[in-house]
Amino acid sequence: MLDRPDAGSVALEIINPGLRIKGLLDVPGSRRISDLLNDQAETLVLHNVRFGTLEGTLLDTMAEFTVDKASIVIAFPWESAGYLAARRADRFGIAPPKLPETPVRVAVPPFLVHGLLRVAAASGTPSLLIRALNHFFVLTDGFVELNKLVVGEAPAVIINRDFVLGVGRLDQKGHSTEEQREVQPHRIDEASKLGGLS
């Protein structure tokens, strides 16, 4: 398992096609995770790193690993329950609650990501919605599907807009206006060999 992060570290899980990476990211001061991903720096340095399959099978470990941010497709930041309660909106870069909260499905091939999007343009036209997204944008209460299999779920899912094929709005039950989800996705046990984050 990953070491328990201290007050200045966040356990970050990165999901790319065919590979899952978990490690600790040092977060200076009061900076938000989305700020770190969206700033001018080209890389992030993770510590106590574990590499695994999307199913959670451990492949390798490293003490330190430098990540090219441009290659990150999807990321989950994790923090302790107490720290999350105090700093969740600030640290994750989530918009204030007064902004509309819109259920969406984001196509990030080969993944489909479901969650709540909070941007001012969420109720506008689809083109406005996509243009309003930051390079790395956040969905809350999200989960990631691959062929109907849930390969990750977290309070916050951060997506790289460069890998987004499109965004669709859902109703409050998680359905599009044209279809009903008849098959419930299977879920991978998060307590896998790769190690839990809680």
Foldseek 3Di string as FASTA:
>chain_A
DADADDPQWWWKWFDDVFKIKTFIFGHPDQAAPVCVLQDPDQKTKGAFMFMDTLLFHTDDTDGMDIGGSVRGFKMAIDHDPVCCVVCVCRRHVADDPVFDWFWKWWPQVPKIKTATFGDNCPPPDQVSVLVRAGQWGKGAQMFIDGPLETSDTHRIMIGGSVRTPGMATAPPVRHGPVDDPPDHGHYRPQCHPRHHND
